[in-house]
Amino acid sequence: QVQLVESGGGLVQAGGSLRLSCAASGSIFSINAMGWYRQAPGKQRELVAHITRGGVTNYADSVKGRFTISNAKNTVDLQMNSLKPEDTAVYYCNAVSGLVGRESWGQGTQVTVSS
């Protein structure tokens, strides 16, 4: 099993930056990909960014050019620049591991962008 712990959320003004970090523990050797999702009040959880073990990345259109995902050993970070009020959400770290693609989730970290 994989356990995930996020950190780095908070309150920031529009145009500002935040960096989220997610540390994985447990069966980290089995992780195939990691990513960040977010869920705003009243909305469905959506993919923000995703990175494979080989470093291939994928971003939601809404964050392209503003957010950057990176990974190192057992962590995955999300650098968020030029933040907008619509980026306000709870951000969740996700890991996909093993042959069957088992998903693990962190507890979530709140990001609030004020206008």
PDB file of N, CA and C in Angstrom:
ATOM      1  N   GLN A   1       0.834  -1.191   0.000  1.00  0.00           N
ATOM      2  CA  GLN A   1       0.000   0.000   0.000  1.00  0.00           C
ATOM      3  C   GLN A   1       0.868   1.241   0.000  1.00  0.00           C
ATOM      4  N   VAL A   2       0.299   2.322  -0.505  1.00  0.00           N
ATOM      5  CA  VAL A   2       0.982   3.600  -0.569  1.00  0.00           C
ATOM      6  C   VAL A   2       0.224   4.605   0.287  1.00  0.00           C
ATOM      7  N   GLN A   3       0.948   5.338   1.116  1.00  0.00           N
ATOM      8  CA  GLN A   3       0.361   6.412   1.905  1.00  0.00           C
ATOM      9  C   GLN A   3       0.898   7.739   1.371  1.00  0.00           C
ATOM     10  N   LEU A   4       0.016   8.732   1.332  1.00  0.00           N
ATOM     11  CA  LEU A   4       0.368  10.038   0.776  1.00  0.00           C
ATOM     12  C   LEU A   4       0.054  11.133   1.788  1.00  0.00           C
ATOM     13  N   VAL A   5       0.974  12.073   1.935  1.00  0.00           N
ATOM     14  CA  VAL A   5       0.763  13.211   2.839  1.00  0.00           C
ATOM     15  C   VAL A   5       1.097  14.486   2.076  1.00  0.00           C
ATOM     16  N   GLU A   6       0.104  15.393   1.984  1.00  0.00           N
ATOM     17  CA  GLU A   6       0.299  16.653   1.278  1.00  0.00           C
ATOM     18  C   GLU A   6       0.682  17.756   2.255  1.00  0.00           C
ATOM     19  N   SER A   7       1.328  18.774   1.713  1.00  0.00           N
ATOM     20  CA  SER A   7       1.628  19.975   2.481  1.00  0.00           C
ATOM     21  C   SER A   7       1.747  21.142   1.519  1.00  0.00           C
ATOM     22  N   GLY A   8       1.643  22.359   2.065  1.00  0.00           N
ATOM     23  CA  GLY A   8       1.909  23.546   1.262  1.00  0.00           C
ATOM     24  C   GLY A   8       0.713  24.363   0.864  1.00  0.00           C
ATOM     25  N   GLY A   9      -0.487  23.963   1.227  1.00  0.00           N
ATOM     26  CA  GLY A   9      -1.646  24.780   0.890  1.00  0.00           C
ATOM     27  C   GLY A   9      -1.677  26.060   1.698  1.00  0.00           C
ATOM     28  N   GLY A  10      -2.665  26.894   1.390  1.00  0.00           N
ATOM     29  CA  GLY A  10      -2.801  28.142   2.143  1.00  0.00           C
ATOM     30  C   GLY A  10      -3.612  29.170   1.401  1.00  0.00           C
ATOM     31  N   LEU A  11      -3.510  30.403   1.896  1.00  0.00           N
ATOM     32  CA  LEU A  11      -4.242  31.537   1.326  1.00  0.00           C
ATOM     33  C   LEU A  11      -3.261  32.439   0.596  1.00  0.00           C
ATOM     34  N   VAL A  12      -3.605  32.830  -0.616  1.00  0.00           N
ATOM     35  CA  VAL A  12      -2.729  33.680  -1.414  1.00  0.00           C
ATOM     36  C   VAL A  12      -3.597  34.627  -2.246  1.00  0.00           C
ATOM     37  N   GLN A  13      -3.066  35.777  -2.561  1.00  0.00           N
ATOM     38  CA  GLN A  13      -3.791  36.715  -3.419  1.00  0.00           C
ATOM     39  C   GLN A  13      -3.669  36.304  -4.882  1.00  0.00           C
ATOM     40  N   ALA A  14      -4.637  36.729  -5.670  1.00  0.00           N
ATOM     41  CA  ALA A  14      -4.586  36.450  -7.107  1.00  0.00           C
ATOM     42  C   ALA A  14      -3.277  36.963  -7.690  1.00  0.00           C
ATOM     43  N   GLY A  15      -2.700  36.149  -8.552  1.00  0.00           N
ATOM     44  CA  GLY A  15      -1.407  36.478  -9.131  1.00  0.00           C
ATOM     45  C   GLY A  15      -0.230  35.918  -8.372  1.00  0.00           C
ATOM     46  N   GLY A  16      -0.474  35.429  -7.190  1.00  0.00           N
ATOM     47  CA  GLY A  16       0.589  34.895  -6.360  1.00  0.00           C
ATOM     48  C   GLY A  16       0.923  33.451  -6.693  1.00  0.00           C
ATOM     49  N   SER A  17       1.795  32.872  -5.864  1.00  0.00           N
ATOM     50  CA  SER A  17       2.285  31.510  -6.098  1.00  0.00           C
ATOM     51  C   SER A  17       2.208  30.672  -4.826  1.00  0.00           C
ATOM     52  N   LEU A  18       2.049  29.402  -5.013  1.00  0.00           N
ATOM     53  CA  LEU A  18       2.119  28.423  -3.933  1.00  0.00           C
ATOM     54  C   LEU A  18       2.788  27.168  -4.475  1.00  0.00           C
ATOM     55  N   ARG A  19       3.410  26.423  -3.589  1.00  0.00           N
ATOM     56  CA  ARG A  19       4.001  25.143  -3.969  1.00  0.00           C
ATOM     57  C   ARG A  19       3.437  24.060  -3.073  1.00  0.00           C
ATOM     58  N   LEU A  20       2.831  23.064  -3.679  1.00  0.00           N
ATOM     59  CA  LEU A  20       2.312  21.917  -2.941  1.00  0.00           C
ATOM     60  C   LEU A  20       3.309  20.771  -3.046  1.00  0.00           C
ATOM     61  N   SER A  21       3.413  20.025  -1.967  1.00  0.00           N
ATOM     62  CA  SER A  21       4.305  18.875  -1.955  1.00  0.00           C
ATOM     63  C   SER A  21       3.553  17.661  -1.437  1.00  0.00           C
ATOM     64  N   CYS A  22       3.882  16.506  -1.970  1.00  0.00           N
ATOM     65  CA  CYS A  22       3.249  15.263  -1.547  1.00  0.00           C
ATOM     66  C   CYS A  22       4.346  14.230  -1.337  1.00  0.00           C
ATOM     67  N   ALA A  23       4.371  13.669  -0.143  1.00  0.00           N
ATOM     68  CA  ALA A  23       5.359  12.642   0.180  1.00  0.00           C
ATOM     69  C   ALA A  23       4.688  11.284   0.241  1.00  0.00           C
ATOM     70  N   ALA A  24       5.243  10.326  -0.481  1.00  0.00           N
ATOM     71  CA  ALA A  24       4.706   8.974  -0.495  1.00  0.00           C
ATOM     72  C   ALA A  24       5.535   8.072   0.400  1.00  0.00           C
ATOM     73  N   SER A  25       4.864   7.139   1.042  1.00  0.00           N
ATOM     74  CA  SER A  25       5.550   6.132   1.848  1.00  0.00           C
ATOM     75  C   SER A  25       4.863   4.789   1.636  1.00  0.00           C
ATOM     76  N   GLY A  26       5.496   3.755   2.133  1.00  0.00           N
ATOM     77  CA  GLY A  26       4.949   2.421   1.931  1.00  0.00           C
ATOM     78  C   GLY A  26       5.557   1.780   0.704  1.00  0.00           C
ATOM     79  N   SER A  27       4.737   1.222  -0.148  1.00  0.00           N
ATOM     80  CA  SER A  27       5.210   0.496  -1.332  1.00  0.00           C
ATOM     81  C   SER A  27       5.509   1.442  -2.482  1.00  0.00           C
ATOM     82  N   ILE A  28       6.450   2.359  -2.276  1.00  0.00           N
ATOM     83  CA  ILE A  28       6.713   3.388  -3.276  1.00  0.00           C
ATOM     84  C   ILE A  28       7.334   2.797  -4.539  1.00  0.00           C
ATOM     85  N   PHE A  29       7.943   1.630  -4.431  1.00  0.00           N
ATOM     86  CA  PHE A  29       8.554   1.009  -5.604  1.00  0.00           C
ATOM     87  C   PHE A  29       7.509   0.617  -6.643  1.00  0.00           C
ATOM     88  N   SER A  30       6.252   0.490  -6.204  1.00  0.00           N
ATOM     89  CA  SER A  30       5.186   0.042  -7.089  1.00  0.00           C
ATOM     90  C   SER A  30       4.437   1.197  -7.781  1.00  0.00           C
ATOM     91  N   ILE A  31       4.835   2.432  -7.453  1.00  0.00           N
ATOM     92  CA  ILE A  31       4.123   3.587  -8.018  1.00  0.00           C
ATOM     93  C   ILE A  31       4.467   3.762  -9.497  1.00  0.00           C
ATOM     94  N   ASN A  32       3.439   3.862 -10.326  1.00  0.00           N
ATOM     95  CA  ASN A  32       3.619   4.067 -11.763  1.00  0.00           C
ATOM     96  C   ASN A  32       3.449   5.523 -12.164  1.00  0.00           C
ATOM     97  N   ALA A  33       2.619   6.223 -11.431  1.00  0.00           N
ATOM     98  CA  ALA A  33       2.356   7.622 -11.762  1.00  0.00           C
ATOM     99  C   ALA A  33       1.793   8.309 -10.539  1.00  0.00           C
ATOM    100  N   MET A  34       2.002   9.622 -10.485  1.00  0.00           N
ATOM    101  CA  MET A  34       1.431  10.427  -9.416  1.00  0.00           C
ATOM    102  C   MET A  34       0.832  11.682 -10.018  1.00  0.00           C
ATOM    103  N   GLY A  35      -0.087  12.268  -9.276  1.00  0.00           N
ATOM    104  CA  GLY A  35      -0.714  13.467  -9.808  1.00  0.00           C
ATOM    105  C   GLY A  35      -1.402  14.273  -8.732  1.00  0.00           C
ATOM    106  N   TRP A  36      -1.939  15.391  -9.169  1.00  0.00           N
ATOM    107  CA  TRP A  36      -2.711  16.278  -8.302  1.00  0.00           C
ATOM    108  C   TRP A  36      -4.100  16.470  -8.906  1.00  0.00           C
ATOM    109  N   TYR A  37      -5.093  16.356  -8.052  1.00  0.00           N
ATOM    110  CA  TYR A  37      -6.473  16.622  -8.406  1.00  0.00           C
ATOM    111  C   TYR A  37      -6.967  17.749  -7.505  1.00  0.00           C
ATOM    112  N   ARG A  38      -8.081  18.349  -7.879  1.00  0.00           N
ATOM    113  CA  ARG A  38      -8.680  19.349  -7.015  1.00  0.00           C
ATOM    114  C   ARG A  38     -10.197  19.250  -7.073  1.00  0.00           C
ATOM    115  N   GLN A  39     -10.803  19.711  -5.985  1.00  0.00           N
ATOM    116  CA  GLN A  39     -12.255  19.712  -5.903  1.00  0.00           C
ATOM    117  C   GLN A  39     -12.711  21.011  -5.262  1.00  0.00           C
ATOM    118  N   ALA A  40     -13.445  21.780  -6.040  1.00  0.00           N
ATOM    119  CA  ALA A  40     -14.021  23.028  -5.539  1.00  0.00           C
ATOM    120  C   ALA A  40     -15.411  22.736  -4.992  1.00  0.00           C
ATOM    121  N   PRO A  41     -15.922  23.588  -4.114  1.00  0.00           N
ATOM    122  CA  PRO A  41     -17.255  23.364  -3.540  1.00  0.00           C
ATOM    123  C   PRO A  41     -18.314  23.220  -4.630  1.00  0.00           C
ATOM    124  N   GLY A  42     -19.104  22.167  -4.538  1.00  0.00           N
ATOM    125  CA  GLY A  42     -20.180  21.944  -5.480  1.00  0.00           C
ATOM    126  C   GLY A  42     -19.757  21.410  -6.823  1.00  0.00           C
ATOM    127  N   LYS A  43     -18.481  21.109  -6.971  1.00  0.00           N
ATOM    128  CA  LYS A  43     -17.982  20.606  -8.254  1.00  0.00           C
ATOM    129  C   LYS A  43     -17.347  19.231  -8.082  1.00  0.00           C
ATOM    130  N   GLN A  44     -17.194  18.536  -9.201  1.00  0.00           N
ATOM    131  CA  GLN A  44     -16.554  17.228  -9.167  1.00  0.00           C
ATOM    132  C   GLN A  44     -15.038  17.371  -9.065  1.00  0.00           C
ATOM    133  N   ARG A  45     -14.408  16.356  -8.542  1.00  0.00           N
ATOM    134  CA  ARG A  45     -12.953  16.327  -8.477  1.00  0.00           C
ATOM    135  C   ARG A  45     -12.415  16.246  -9.902  1.00  0.00           C
ATOM    136  N   GLU A  46     -11.383  17.031 -10.180  1.00  0.00           N
ATOM    137  CA  GLU A  46     -10.824  17.065 -11.527  1.00  0.00           C
ATOM    138  C   GLU A  46      -9.314  16.946 -11.503  1.00  0.00           C
ATOM    139  N   LEU A  47      -8.774  16.400 -12.573  1.00  0.00           N
ATOM    140  CA  LEU A  47      -7.332  16.284 -12.702  1.00  0.00           C
ATOM    141  C   LEU A  47      -6.718  17.662 -12.922  1.00  0.00           C
ATOM    142  N   VAL A  48      -5.641  17.945 -12.212  1.00  0.00           N
ATOM    143  CA  VAL A  48      -4.873  19.172 -12.405  1.00  0.00           C
ATOM    144  C   VAL A  48      -3.616  18.874 -13.216  1.00  0.00           C
ATOM    145  N   ALA A  49      -2.843  17.915 -12.736  1.00  0.00           N
ATOM    146  CA  ALA A  49      -1.601  17.544 -13.416  1.00  0.00           C
ATOM    147  C   ALA A  49      -1.218  16.130 -13.017  1.00  0.00           C
ATOM    148  N   HIS A  50      -0.437  15.502 -13.895  1.00  0.00           N
ATOM    149  CA  HIS A  50      -0.131  14.090 -13.748  1.00  0.00           C
ATOM    150  C   HIS A  50       1.278  13.863 -14.283  1.00  0.00           C
ATOM    151  N   ILE A  51       2.038  12.998 -13.617  1.00  0.00           N
ATOM    152  CA  ILE A  51       3.384  12.694 -14.090  1.00  0.00           C
ATOM    153  C   ILE A  51       3.644  11.210 -13.923  1.00  0.00           C
ATOM    154  N   THR A  52       4.187  10.585 -14.938  1.00  0.00           N
ATOM    155  CA  THR A  52       4.489   9.170 -14.872  1.00  0.00           C
ATOM    156  C   THR A  52       5.868   8.948 -14.256  1.00  0.00           C
ATOM    157  N   ARG A  53       6.175   7.701 -13.964  1.00  0.00           N
ATOM    158  CA  ARG A  53       7.487   7.380 -13.406  1.00  0.00           C
ATOM    159  C   ARG A  53       8.598   7.820 -14.357  1.00  0.00           C
ATOM    160  N   GLY A  54       8.294   7.781 -15.653  1.00  0.00           N
ATOM    161  CA  GLY A  54       9.288   8.176 -16.645  1.00  0.00           C
ATOM    162  C   GLY A  54       9.368   9.664 -16.885  1.00  0.00           C
ATOM    163  N   GLY A  55       8.513  10.431 -16.204  1.00  0.00           N
ATOM    164  CA  GLY A  55       8.590  11.886 -16.314  1.00  0.00           C
ATOM    165  C   GLY A  55       7.663  12.502 -17.333  1.00  0.00           C
ATOM    166  N   VAL A  56       6.775  11.716 -17.917  1.00  0.00           N
ATOM    167  CA  VAL A  56       5.822  12.272 -18.880  1.00  0.00           C
ATOM    168  C   VAL A  56       4.729  12.998 -18.109  1.00  0.00           C
ATOM    169  N   THR A  57       4.443  14.227 -18.506  1.00  0.00           N
ATOM    170  CA  THR A  57       3.484  15.049 -17.780  1.00  0.00           C
ATOM    171  C   THR A  57       2.235  15.319 -18.608  1.00  0.00           C
ATOM    172  N   ASN A  58       1.169  15.637 -17.878  1.00  0.00           N
ATOM    173  CA  ASN A  58      -0.111  15.971 -18.503  1.00  0.00           C
ATOM    174  C   ASN A  58      -0.781  17.007 -17.615  1.00  0.00           C
ATOM    175  N   TYR A  59      -1.345  18.048 -18.227  1.00  0.00           N
ATOM    176  CA  TYR A  59      -1.966  19.128 -17.461  1.00  0.00           C
ATOM    177  C   TYR A  59      -3.386  19.402 -17.947  1.00  0.00           C
ATOM    178  N   ALA A  60      -4.218  19.831 -17.030  1.00  0.00           N
ATOM    179  CA  ALA A  60      -5.519  20.353 -17.409  1.00  0.00           C
ATOM    180  C   ALA A  60      -5.299  21.633 -18.204  1.00  0.00           C
ATOM    181  N   ASP A  61      -6.154  21.874 -19.185  1.00  0.00           N
ATOM    182  CA  ASP A  61      -6.013  23.074 -20.017  1.00  0.00           C
ATOM    183  C   ASP A  61      -6.025  24.342 -19.174  1.00  0.00           C
ATOM    184  N   SER A  62      -6.804  24.326 -18.112  1.00  0.00           N
ATOM    185  CA  SER A  62      -6.974  25.524 -17.295  1.00  0.00           C
ATOM    186  C   SER A  62      -5.711  25.929 -16.543  1.00  0.00           C
ATOM    187  N   VAL A  63      -4.742  25.024 -16.427  1.00  0.00           N
ATOM    188  CA  VAL A  63      -3.527  25.340 -15.647  1.00  0.00           C
ATOM    189  C   VAL A  63      -2.264  25.324 -16.498  1.00  0.00           C
ATOM    190  N   LYS A  64      -2.377  24.967 -17.756  1.00  0.00           N
ATOM    191  CA  LYS A  64      -1.195  24.921 -18.623  1.00  0.00           C
ATOM    192  C   LYS A  64      -0.513  26.280 -18.678  1.00  0.00           C
ATOM    193  N   GLY A  65       0.790  26.274 -18.539  1.00  0.00           N
ATOM    194  CA  GLY A  65       1.564  27.499 -18.564  1.00  0.00           C
ATOM    195  C   GLY A  65       1.656  28.190 -17.222  1.00  0.00           C
ATOM    196  N   ARG A  66       0.865  27.743 -16.244  1.00  0.00           N
ATOM    197  CA  ARG A  66       0.889  28.357 -14.907  1.00  0.00           C
ATOM    198  C   ARG A  66       1.382  27.388 -13.848  1.00  0.00           C
ATOM    199  N   PHE A  67       1.036  26.114 -14.002  1.00  0.00           N
ATOM    200  CA  PHE A  67       1.400  25.104 -13.009  1.00  0.00           C
ATOM    201  C   PHE A  67       2.469  24.180 -13.588  1.00  0.00           C
ATOM    202  N   THR A  68       3.339  23.690 -12.707  1.00  0.00           N
ATOM    203  CA  THR A  68       4.362  22.736 -13.118  1.00  0.00           C
ATOM    204  C   THR A  68       4.427  21.602 -12.107  1.00  0.00           C
ATOM    205  N   ILE A  69       4.328  20.380 -12.605  1.00  0.00           N
ATOM    206  CA  ILE A  69       4.435  19.211 -11.737  1.00  0.00           C
ATOM    207  C   ILE A  69       5.822  18.614 -11.899  1.00  0.00           C
ATOM    208  N   SER A  70       6.375  18.146 -10.785  1.00  0.00           N
ATOM    209  CA  SER A  70       7.693  17.521 -10.834  1.00  0.00           C
ATOM    210  C   SER A  70       7.748  16.420  -9.791  1.00  0.00           C
ATOM    211  N   ASN A  71       8.630  15.460 -10.007  1.00  0.00           N
ATOM    212  CA  ASN A  71       8.759  14.382  -9.031  1.00  0.00           C
ATOM    213  C   ASN A  71      10.225  14.092  -8.752  1.00  0.00           C
ATOM    214  N   ALA A  72      10.477  13.573  -7.572  1.00  0.00           N
ATOM    215  CA  ALA A  72      11.832  13.216  -7.168  1.00  0.00           C
ATOM    216  C   ALA A  72      11.725  12.149  -6.089  1.00  0.00           C
ATOM    217  N   LYS A  73      12.334  11.020  -6.349  1.00  0.00           N
ATOM    218  CA  LYS A  73      12.315   9.911  -5.402  1.00  0.00           C
ATOM    219  C   LYS A  73      10.883   9.595  -4.980  1.00  0.00           C
ATOM    220  N   ASN A  74      10.486   9.919  -3.776  1.00  0.00           N
ATOM    221  CA  ASN A  74       9.161   9.563  -3.298  1.00  0.00           C
ATOM    222  C   ASN A  74       8.267  10.779  -3.100  1.00  0.00           C
ATOM    223  N   THR A  75       8.545  11.877  -3.796  1.00  0.00           N
ATOM    224  CA  THR A  75       7.719  13.060  -3.666  1.00  0.00           C
ATOM    225  C   THR A  75       7.238  13.555  -5.028  1.00  0.00           C
ATOM    226  N   VAL A  76       6.127  14.254  -5.015  1.00  0.00           N
ATOM    227  CA  VAL A  76       5.650  14.955  -6.198  1.00  0.00           C
ATOM    228  C   VAL A  76       5.222  16.349  -5.776  1.00  0.00           C
ATOM    229  N   ASP A  77       5.704  17.339  -6.485  1.00  0.00           N
ATOM    230  CA  ASP A  77       5.425  18.734  -6.158  1.00  0.00           C
ATOM    231  C   ASP A  77       4.595  19.372  -7.264  1.00  0.00           C
ATOM    232  N   LEU A  78       3.840  20.384  -6.875  1.00  0.00           N
ATOM    233  CA  LEU A  78       3.075  21.168  -7.829  1.00  0.00           C
ATOM    234  C   LEU A  78       3.382  22.634  -7.577  1.00  0.00           C
ATOM    235  N   GLN A  79       4.104  23.248  -8.496  1.00  0.00           N
ATOM    236  CA  GLN A  79       4.377  24.666  -8.410  1.00  0.00           C
ATOM    237  C   GLN A  79       3.263  25.405  -9.126  1.00  0.00           C
ATOM    238  N   MET A  80       2.580  26.283  -8.390  1.00  0.00           N
ATOM    239  CA  MET A  80       1.427  27.001  -8.930  1.00  0.00           C
ATOM    240  C   MET A  80       1.744  28.485  -8.977  1.00  0.00           C
ATOM    241  N   ASN A  81       1.795  29.031 -10.169  1.00  0.00           N
ATOM    242  CA  ASN A  81       2.055  30.453 -10.363  1.00  0.00           C
ATOM    243  C   ASN A  81       0.847  31.133 -10.981  1.00  0.00           C
ATOM    244  N   SER A  82       0.834  32.441 -10.901  1.00  0.00           N
ATOM    245  CA  SER A  82      -0.259  33.230 -11.489  1.00  0.00           C
ATOM    246  C   SER A  82      -1.612  32.681 -11.070  1.00  0.00           C
ATOM    247  N   LEU A  83      -1.762  32.462  -9.781  1.00  0.00           N
ATOM    248  CA  LEU A  83      -2.986  31.859  -9.275  1.00  0.00           C
ATOM    249  C   LEU A  83      -4.189  32.768  -9.473  1.00  0.00           C
ATOM    250  N   LYS A  84      -5.328  32.121  -9.722  1.00  0.00           N
ATOM    251  CA  LYS A  84      -6.582  32.823  -9.954  1.00  0.00           C
ATOM    252  C   LYS A  84      -7.600  32.383  -8.906  1.00  0.00           C
ATOM    253  N   PRO A  85      -8.603  33.217  -8.639  1.00  0.00           N
ATOM    254  CA  PRO A  85      -9.635  32.805  -7.674  1.00  0.00           C
ATOM    255  C   PRO A  85     -10.276  31.462  -8.039  1.00  0.00           C
ATOM    256  N   GLU A  86     -10.386  31.173  -9.310  1.00  0.00           N
ATOM    257  CA  GLU A  86     -11.002  29.910  -9.717  1.00  0.00           C
ATOM    258  C   GLU A  86     -10.108  28.697  -9.455  1.00  0.00           C
ATOM    259  N   ASP A  87      -8.893  28.921  -9.011  1.00  0.00           N
ATOM    260  CA  ASP A  87      -8.030  27.817  -8.588  1.00  0.00           C
ATOM    261  C   ASP A  87      -8.325  27.387  -7.152  1.00  0.00           C
ATOM    262  N   THR A  88      -9.187  28.124  -6.477  1.00  0.00           N
ATOM    263  CA  THR A  88      -9.541  27.788  -5.105  1.00  0.00           C
ATOM    264  C   THR A  88     -10.205  26.420  -5.041  1.00  0.00           C
ATOM    265  N   ALA A  89      -9.667  25.547  -4.218  1.00  0.00           N
ATOM    266  CA  ALA A  89     -10.178  24.179  -4.117  1.00  0.00           C
ATOM    267  C   ALA A  89      -9.380  23.432  -3.056  1.00  0.00           C
ATOM    268  N   VAL A  90      -9.849  22.245  -2.731  1.00  0.00           N
ATOM    269  CA  VAL A  90      -9.036  21.313  -1.970  1.00  0.00           C
ATOM    270  C   VAL A  90      -8.237  20.497  -2.982  1.00  0.00           C
ATOM    271  N   TYR A  91      -6.930  20.461  -2.797  1.00  0.00           N
ATOM    272  CA  TYR A  91      -6.044  19.754  -3.711  1.00  0.00           C
ATOM    273  C   TYR A  91      -5.639  18.417  -3.097  1.00  0.00           C
ATOM    274  N   TYR A  92      -5.761  17.370  -3.898  1.00  0.00           N
ATOM    275  CA  TYR A  92      -5.478  16.024  -3.437  1.00  0.00           C
ATOM    276  C   TYR A  92      -4.336  15.415  -4.236  1.00  0.00           C
ATOM    277  N   CYS A  93      -3.437  14.777  -3.545  1.00  0.00           N
ATOM    278  CA  CYS A  93      -2.374  14.010  -4.182  1.00  0.00           C
ATOM    279  C   CYS A  93      -2.898  12.605  -4.488  1.00  0.00           C
ATOM    280  N   ASN A  94      -2.481  12.077  -5.623  1.00  0.00           N
ATOM    281  CA  ASN A  94      -2.936  10.768  -6.074  1.00  0.00           C
ATOM    282  C   ASN A  94      -1.744   9.955  -6.561  1.00  0.00           C
ATOM    283  N   ALA A  95      -1.776   8.668  -6.274  1.00  0.00           N
ATOM    284  CA  ALA A  95      -0.749   7.765  -6.799  1.00  0.00           C
ATOM    285  C   ALA A  95      -1.437   6.533  -7.388  1.00  0.00           C
ATOM    286  N   VAL A  96      -0.916   6.083  -8.505  1.00  0.00           N
ATOM    287  CA  VAL A  96      -1.400   4.863  -9.154  1.00  0.00           C
ATOM    288  C   VAL A  96      -0.270   3.849  -9.102  1.00  0.00           C
ATOM    289  N   SER A  97      -0.560   2.678  -8.576  1.00  0.00           N
ATOM    290  CA  SER A  97       0.523   1.731  -8.351  1.00  0.00           C
ATOM    291  C   SER A  97       0.108   0.310  -8.713  1.00  0.00           C
ATOM    292  N   GLY A  98       1.107  -0.517  -8.917  1.00  0.00           N
ATOM    293  CA  GLY A  98       0.889  -1.927  -9.170  1.00  0.00           C
ATOM    294  C   GLY A  98       0.351  -2.221 -10.561  1.00  0.00           C
ATOM    295  N   LEU A  99       0.221  -3.514 -10.837  1.00  0.00           N
ATOM    296  CA  LEU A  99      -0.224  -3.968 -12.152  1.00  0.00           C
ATOM    297  C   LEU A  99      -1.688  -3.625 -12.416  1.00  0.00           C
ATOM    298  N   VAL A 100      -2.486  -3.539 -11.366  1.00  0.00           N
ATOM    299  CA  VAL A 100      -3.913  -3.272 -11.544  1.00  0.00           C
ATOM    300  C   VAL A 100      -4.251  -1.792 -11.405  1.00  0.00           C
ATOM    301  N   GLY A 101      -3.235  -0.964 -11.225  1.00  0.00           N
ATOM    302  CA  GLY A 101      -3.474   0.467 -11.144  1.00  0.00           C
ATOM    303  C   GLY A 101      -4.228   0.903  -9.905  1.00  0.00           C
ATOM    304  N   ARG A 102      -3.840   0.374  -8.797  1.00  0.00           N
ATOM    305  CA  ARG A 102      -4.497   0.752  -7.538  1.00  0.00           C
ATOM    306  C   ARG A 102      -4.251   2.221  -7.229  1.00  0.00           C
ATOM    307  N   GLU A 103      -5.304   2.920  -6.832  1.00  0.00           N
ATOM    308  CA  GLU A 103      -5.196   4.343  -6.537  1.00  0.00           C
ATOM    309  C   GLU A 103      -5.108   4.589  -5.036  1.00  0.00           C
ATOM    310  N   SER A 104      -4.237   5.528  -4.678  1.00  0.00           N
ATOM    311  CA  SER A 104      -4.127   5.992  -3.307  1.00  0.00           C
ATOM    312  C   SER A 104      -4.322   7.500  -3.312  1.00  0.00           C
ATOM    313  N   TRP A 105      -4.896   8.018  -2.206  1.00  0.00           N
ATOM    314  CA  TRP A 105      -5.195   9.446  -2.111  1.00  0.00           C
ATOM    315  C   TRP A 105      -4.655  10.011  -0.813  1.00  0.00           C
ATOM    316  N   GLY A 106      -4.230  11.261  -0.891  1.00  0.00           N
ATOM    317  CA  GLY A 106      -3.882  11.984   0.325  1.00  0.00           C
ATOM    318  C   GLY A 106      -5.135  12.558   0.955  1.00  0.00           C
ATOM    319  N   GLN A 107      -4.932  13.252   2.090  1.00  0.00           N
ATOM    320  CA  GLN A 107      -6.066  13.773   2.838  1.00  0.00           C
ATOM    321  C   GLN A 107      -6.570  15.093   2.275  1.00  0.00           C
ATOM    322  N   GLY A 108      -5.787  15.716   1.410  1.00  0.00           N
ATOM    323  CA  GLY A 108      -6.193  16.980   0.810  1.00  0.00           C
ATOM    324  C   GLY A 108      -5.612  18.177   1.536  1.00  0.00           C
ATOM    325  N   THR A 109      -5.355  19.226   0.770  1.00  0.00           N
ATOM    326  CA  THR A 109      -4.864  20.478   1.343  1.00  0.00           C
ATOM    327  C   THR A 109      -5.608  21.624   0.669  1.00  0.00           C
ATOM    328  N   GLN A 110      -6.044  22.585   1.486  1.00  0.00           N
ATOM    329  CA  GLN A 110      -6.868  23.684   0.984  1.00  0.00           C
ATOM    330  C   GLN A 110      -5.994  24.757   0.341  1.00  0.00           C
ATOM    331  N   VAL A 111      -6.394  25.176  -0.847  1.00  0.00           N
ATOM    332  CA  VAL A 111      -5.784  26.324  -1.521  1.00  0.00           C
ATOM    333  C   VAL A 111      -6.883  27.354  -1.750  1.00  0.00           C
ATOM    334  N   THR A 112      -6.669  28.555  -1.228  1.00  0.00           N
ATOM    335  CA  THR A 112      -7.635  29.627  -1.379  1.00  0.00           C
ATOM    336  C   THR A 112      -6.950  30.819  -2.025  1.00  0.00           C
ATOM    337  N   VAL A 113      -7.524  31.280  -3.135  1.00  0.00           N
ATOM    338  CA  VAL A 113      -6.965  32.429  -3.859  1.00  0.00           C
ATOM    339  C   VAL A 113      -7.971  33.571  -3.771  1.00  0.00           C
ATOM    340  N   SER A 114      -7.555  34.642  -3.151  1.00  0.00           N
ATOM    341  CA  SER A 114      -8.449  35.792  -2.987  1.00  0.00           C
ATOM    342  C   SER A 114      -8.278  36.774  -4.158  1.00  0.00           C
ATOM    343  N   SER A 115      -9.378  37.434  -4.479  1.00  0.00           N
ATOM    344  CA  SER A 115      -9.327  38.383  -5.616  1.00  0.00           C
ATOM    345  C   SER A 115      -8.947  39.773  -5.165  1.00  0.00           C
TER     346      SER A 115
END
